[in-house]
Amino acid sequence: SEVKQIPFGVPWAISEGIVRVTGLTDKGAVILDYTDEGLARLYKEAGGEERDLAPWDLQQYAQKNWGMPFIYIEPDRWDKLVGKKEVDIVV
C-alpha cells in the first residue's frame, strides 16, 4: 500500500514519540495511536493540570497546535490519564 496525504504534524509527532503507527488500512491510511508519554504531554501542554479538560479539548489542541488528525482516546486511557479510579458499585 502507498501512504498518501499524511497530515503535516504526523512525522514530527512520530519523531517526538507522541504517536506511534499501529497499522495501515487497505486504502493506505496510517492508523495512529498516542503513546502513554505522548498523551501525558498533550494533556500537560493543553493545560489539563490547571483546568478540567475533556478528550475533545485535547483533540482540538492537537489539531490546532500540532497539526494532528483526530485520534480516538479510549475511555480507560482517559480515566488513567486524569487519575480517575475504578469504583465498585454494590447493589
N, C-alpha and C. Protein backbone atom coordinates (compact mmCIF):
# COMPACT_ATOMS: atom_id res chain seq x y z
N SER A 1 0.83 -1.19 0.00
CA SER A 1 0.00 0.00 0.00
C SER A 1 0.87 1.24 0.00
N GLU A 2 0.38 2.26 -0.64
CA GLU A 2 1.08 3.54 -0.67
C GLU A 2 0.42 4.48 0.33
N VAL A 3 1.22 5.12 1.15
CA VAL A 3 0.71 6.07 2.13
C VAL A 3 0.52 7.41 1.44
N LYS A 4 -0.68 7.99 1.59
CA LYS A 4 -0.99 9.26 0.93
C LYS A 4 -1.53 10.25 1.94
N GLN A 5 -1.37 11.52 1.65
CA GLN A 5 -1.97 12.62 2.39
C GLN A 5 -1.71 12.53 3.89
N ILE A 6 -0.46 12.52 4.27
CA ILE A 6 -0.11 12.49 5.69
C ILE A 6 -0.25 13.91 6.24
N PRO A 7 -1.08 14.12 7.29
CA PRO A 7 -1.18 15.46 7.90
C PRO A 7 0.21 15.95 8.32
N PHE A 8 0.44 17.25 8.18
CA PHE A 8 1.80 17.77 8.33
C PHE A 8 2.41 17.53 9.71
N GLY A 9 1.62 17.39 10.75
CA GLY A 9 2.16 17.20 12.09
C GLY A 9 2.55 15.77 12.43
N VAL A 10 2.11 14.82 11.64
CA VAL A 10 2.33 13.41 11.97
C VAL A 10 3.80 13.00 11.99
N PRO A 11 4.60 13.33 10.97
CA PRO A 11 6.02 12.93 11.04
C PRO A 11 6.72 13.51 12.28
N TRP A 12 6.42 14.76 12.60
CA TRP A 12 7.01 15.38 13.79
C TRP A 12 6.57 14.63 15.05
N ALA A 13 5.27 14.34 15.17
CA ALA A 13 4.75 13.66 16.36
C ALA A 13 5.34 12.26 16.51
N ILE A 14 5.57 11.58 15.41
CA ILE A 14 6.20 10.26 15.47
C ILE A 14 7.64 10.40 15.95
N SER A 15 8.36 11.38 15.41
CA SER A 15 9.77 11.57 15.80
C SER A 15 9.91 12.00 17.26
N GLU A 16 8.89 12.68 17.80
CA GLU A 16 8.90 13.11 19.20
C GLU A 16 8.41 12.01 20.15
N GLY A 17 7.92 10.90 19.60
CA GLY A 17 7.40 9.82 20.44
C GLY A 17 6.01 10.08 20.98
N ILE A 18 5.29 11.01 20.36
CA ILE A 18 3.94 11.36 20.81
C ILE A 18 2.93 10.34 20.30
N VAL A 19 3.09 9.92 19.06
CA VAL A 19 2.21 8.91 18.47
C VAL A 19 3.06 7.79 17.89
N ARG A 20 2.40 6.67 17.67
CA ARG A 20 3.05 5.54 17.00
C ARG A 20 2.09 5.04 15.92
N VAL A 21 2.66 4.46 14.90
CA VAL A 21 1.85 3.87 13.83
C VAL A 21 1.48 2.47 14.28
N THR A 22 0.17 2.19 14.30
CA THR A 22 -0.28 0.87 14.73
C THR A 22 -0.75 0.01 13.57
N GLY A 23 -0.83 0.61 12.38
CA GLY A 23 -1.25 -0.17 11.23
C GLY A 23 -1.45 0.69 10.01
N LEU A 24 -1.91 0.05 8.96
CA LEU A 24 -2.15 0.70 7.68
C LEU A 24 -3.41 0.08 7.10
N THR A 25 -4.35 0.93 6.69
CA THR A 25 -5.57 0.41 6.09
C THR A 25 -5.29 -0.04 4.66
N ASP A 26 -6.23 -0.77 4.09
CA ASP A 26 -6.05 -1.24 2.72
C ASP A 26 -6.07 -0.09 1.71
N LYS A 27 -6.55 1.08 2.13
CA LYS A 27 -6.55 2.25 1.25
C LYS A 27 -5.32 3.13 1.46
N GLY A 28 -4.41 2.70 2.33
CA GLY A 28 -3.17 3.44 2.53
C GLY A 28 -3.20 4.46 3.64
N ALA A 29 -4.26 4.48 4.44
CA ALA A 29 -4.32 5.41 5.57
C ALA A 29 -3.56 4.83 6.76
N VAL A 30 -2.77 5.67 7.38
CA VAL A 30 -1.99 5.26 8.54
C VAL A 30 -2.89 5.28 9.77
N ILE A 31 -2.81 4.23 10.57
CA ILE A 31 -3.57 4.16 11.82
C ILE A 31 -2.62 4.56 12.94
N LEU A 32 -2.99 5.61 13.67
CA LEU A 32 -2.14 6.16 14.72
C LEU A 32 -2.76 5.97 16.09
N ASP A 33 -1.91 5.94 17.10
CA ASP A 33 -2.35 5.92 18.50
C ASP A 33 -1.35 6.74 19.30
N TYR A 34 -1.83 7.43 20.33
CA TYR A 34 -0.93 8.16 21.21
C TYR A 34 -0.14 7.18 22.06
N THR A 35 1.13 7.47 22.27
CA THR A 35 1.90 6.72 23.27
C THR A 35 1.45 7.25 24.63
N ASP A 36 1.72 6.51 25.69
CA ASP A 36 1.35 6.99 27.03
C ASP A 36 2.05 8.31 27.33
N GLU A 37 3.33 8.40 26.95
CA GLU A 37 4.09 9.63 27.17
C GLU A 37 3.54 10.77 26.32
N GLY A 38 3.16 10.47 25.10
CA GLY A 38 2.60 11.49 24.21
C GLY A 38 1.27 12.02 24.71
N LEU A 39 0.44 11.13 25.21
CA LEU A 39 -0.85 11.54 25.75
C LEU A 39 -0.66 12.40 26.99
N ALA A 40 0.29 12.04 27.84
CA ALA A 40 0.57 12.85 29.03
C ALA A 40 1.10 14.22 28.63
N ARG A 41 1.96 14.27 27.61
CA ARG A 41 2.50 15.55 27.14
C ARG A 41 1.39 16.42 26.57
N LEU A 42 0.51 15.84 25.79
CA LEU A 42 -0.62 16.57 25.22
C LEU A 42 -1.49 17.14 26.32
N TYR A 43 -1.80 16.33 27.31
CA TYR A 43 -2.64 16.76 28.44
C TYR A 43 -2.00 17.94 29.16
N LYS A 44 -0.70 17.85 29.41
CA LYS A 44 0.01 18.91 30.12
C LYS A 44 0.06 20.19 29.29
N GLU A 45 0.44 20.08 28.02
CA GLU A 45 0.56 21.26 27.17
C GLU A 45 -0.79 21.92 26.91
N ALA A 46 -1.86 21.14 26.90
CA ALA A 46 -3.19 21.70 26.68
C ALA A 46 -3.76 22.35 27.94
N GLY A 47 -3.06 22.23 29.05
CA GLY A 47 -3.50 22.87 30.29
C GLY A 47 -4.31 21.98 31.20
N GLY A 48 -4.23 20.69 31.02
CA GLY A 48 -5.02 19.76 31.82
C GLY A 48 -4.69 19.75 33.29
N GLU A 49 -3.48 20.17 33.65
CA GLU A 49 -3.10 20.20 35.06
C GLU A 49 -3.69 21.42 35.77
N GLU A 50 -4.07 22.45 35.00
CA GLU A 50 -4.61 23.67 35.59
C GLU A 50 -6.13 23.75 35.53
N ARG A 51 -6.73 23.05 34.58
CA ARG A 51 -8.19 23.14 34.43
C ARG A 51 -8.75 21.79 33.99
N ASP A 52 -10.05 21.67 34.13
CA ASP A 52 -10.73 20.42 33.79
C ASP A 52 -10.90 20.34 32.27
N LEU A 53 -10.32 19.34 31.66
CA LEU A 53 -10.41 19.15 30.22
C LEU A 53 -11.17 17.87 29.90
N ALA A 54 -11.71 17.84 28.70
CA ALA A 54 -12.35 16.64 28.17
C ALA A 54 -11.49 16.13 27.02
N PRO A 55 -11.66 14.87 26.62
CA PRO A 55 -10.88 14.36 25.49
C PRO A 55 -10.99 15.25 24.25
N TRP A 56 -12.17 15.82 24.02
CA TRP A 56 -12.36 16.68 22.85
C TRP A 56 -11.43 17.89 22.90
N ASP A 57 -11.20 18.44 24.09
CA ASP A 57 -10.29 19.57 24.24
C ASP A 57 -8.88 19.20 23.78
N LEU A 58 -8.45 17.98 24.12
CA LEU A 58 -7.12 17.54 23.70
C LEU A 58 -7.05 17.38 22.18
N GLN A 59 -8.12 16.86 21.60
CA GLN A 59 -8.14 16.68 20.14
C GLN A 59 -8.02 18.03 19.44
N GLN A 60 -8.76 19.02 19.95
CA GLN A 60 -8.71 20.35 19.36
C GLN A 60 -7.32 20.97 19.49
N TYR A 61 -6.71 20.81 20.66
CA TYR A 61 -5.37 21.34 20.88
C TYR A 61 -4.37 20.68 19.94
N ALA A 62 -4.44 19.35 19.84
CA ALA A 62 -3.51 18.61 18.98
C ALA A 62 -3.68 19.00 17.51
N GLN A 63 -4.90 19.22 17.10
CA GLN A 63 -5.14 19.61 15.71
C GLN A 63 -4.63 21.02 15.44
N LYS A 64 -4.95 21.94 16.33
CA LYS A 64 -4.58 23.35 16.12
C LYS A 64 -3.08 23.59 16.29
N ASN A 65 -2.47 23.01 17.31
CA ASN A 65 -1.09 23.32 17.64
C ASN A 65 -0.06 22.34 17.08
N TRP A 66 -0.48 21.11 16.82
CA TRP A 66 0.46 20.10 16.35
C TRP A 66 0.16 19.61 14.94
N GLY A 67 -0.95 20.04 14.36
CA GLY A 67 -1.30 19.59 13.02
C GLY A 67 -1.68 18.12 12.95
N MET A 68 -2.26 17.62 14.03
CA MET A 68 -2.60 16.20 14.11
C MET A 68 -4.04 15.95 13.66
N PRO A 69 -4.29 14.79 13.06
CA PRO A 69 -5.66 14.39 12.75
C PRO A 69 -6.34 13.90 14.03
N PHE A 70 -7.62 13.62 13.94
CA PHE A 70 -8.35 13.07 15.09
C PHE A 70 -7.79 11.69 15.43
N ILE A 71 -7.44 11.48 16.68
CA ILE A 71 -7.01 10.17 17.17
C ILE A 71 -7.87 9.86 18.38
N TYR A 72 -8.62 8.78 18.30
CA TYR A 72 -9.52 8.39 19.38
C TYR A 72 -8.75 8.06 20.65
N ILE A 73 -9.24 8.57 21.77
CA ILE A 73 -8.65 8.26 23.08
C ILE A 73 -9.65 7.37 23.82
N GLU A 74 -9.25 6.15 24.11
CA GLU A 74 -10.13 5.19 24.76
C GLU A 74 -10.48 5.69 26.17
N PRO A 75 -11.74 5.45 26.61
CA PRO A 75 -12.17 5.92 27.93
C PRO A 75 -11.28 5.45 29.08
N ASP A 76 -10.80 4.21 29.04
CA ASP A 76 -9.95 3.73 30.14
C ASP A 76 -8.60 4.44 30.16
N ARG A 77 -8.07 4.77 28.99
CA ARG A 77 -6.81 5.54 28.95
C ARG A 77 -7.04 6.96 29.45
N TRP A 78 -8.18 7.55 29.12
CA TRP A 78 -8.51 8.90 29.60
C TRP A 78 -8.61 8.89 31.12
N ASP A 79 -9.34 7.93 31.66
CA ASP A 79 -9.50 7.85 33.12
C ASP A 79 -8.16 7.69 33.81
N LYS A 80 -7.29 6.88 33.25
CA LYS A 80 -5.95 6.68 33.82
C LYS A 80 -5.16 7.99 33.77
N LEU A 81 -5.28 8.71 32.67
CA LEU A 81 -4.57 9.97 32.49
C LEU A 81 -4.98 11.01 33.52
N VAL A 82 -6.28 11.14 33.74
CA VAL A 82 -6.77 12.17 34.66
C VAL A 82 -6.84 11.68 36.10
N GLY A 83 -6.47 10.42 36.33
CA GLY A 83 -6.38 9.91 37.69
C GLY A 83 -7.67 9.40 38.27
N LYS A 84 -8.65 9.08 37.43
CA LYS A 84 -9.89 8.52 37.95
C LYS A 84 -9.66 7.07 38.33
N LYS A 85 -10.25 6.68 39.43
CA LYS A 85 -10.15 5.31 39.91
C LYS A 85 -11.44 4.58 39.57
N GLU A 86 -11.29 3.29 39.36
CA GLU A 86 -12.49 2.48 39.16
C GLU A 86 -13.25 2.38 40.47
N VAL A 87 -14.56 2.53 40.39
CA VAL A 87 -15.39 2.47 41.58
C VAL A 87 -16.25 1.22 41.49
N ASP A 88 -16.18 0.40 42.53
CA ASP A 88 -17.03 -0.78 42.57
C ASP A 88 -18.41 -0.37 43.04
N ILE A 89 -19.42 -0.77 42.29
CA ILE A 89 -20.79 -0.44 42.65
C ILE A 89 -21.40 -1.67 43.31
N VAL A 90 -21.89 -1.47 44.52
CA VAL A 90 -22.53 -2.56 45.25
C VAL A 90 -24.03 -2.35 45.14
N VAL A 91 -24.73 -3.39 44.68
CA VAL A 91 -26.18 -3.28 44.51
C VAL A 91 -26.87 -4.07 45.59
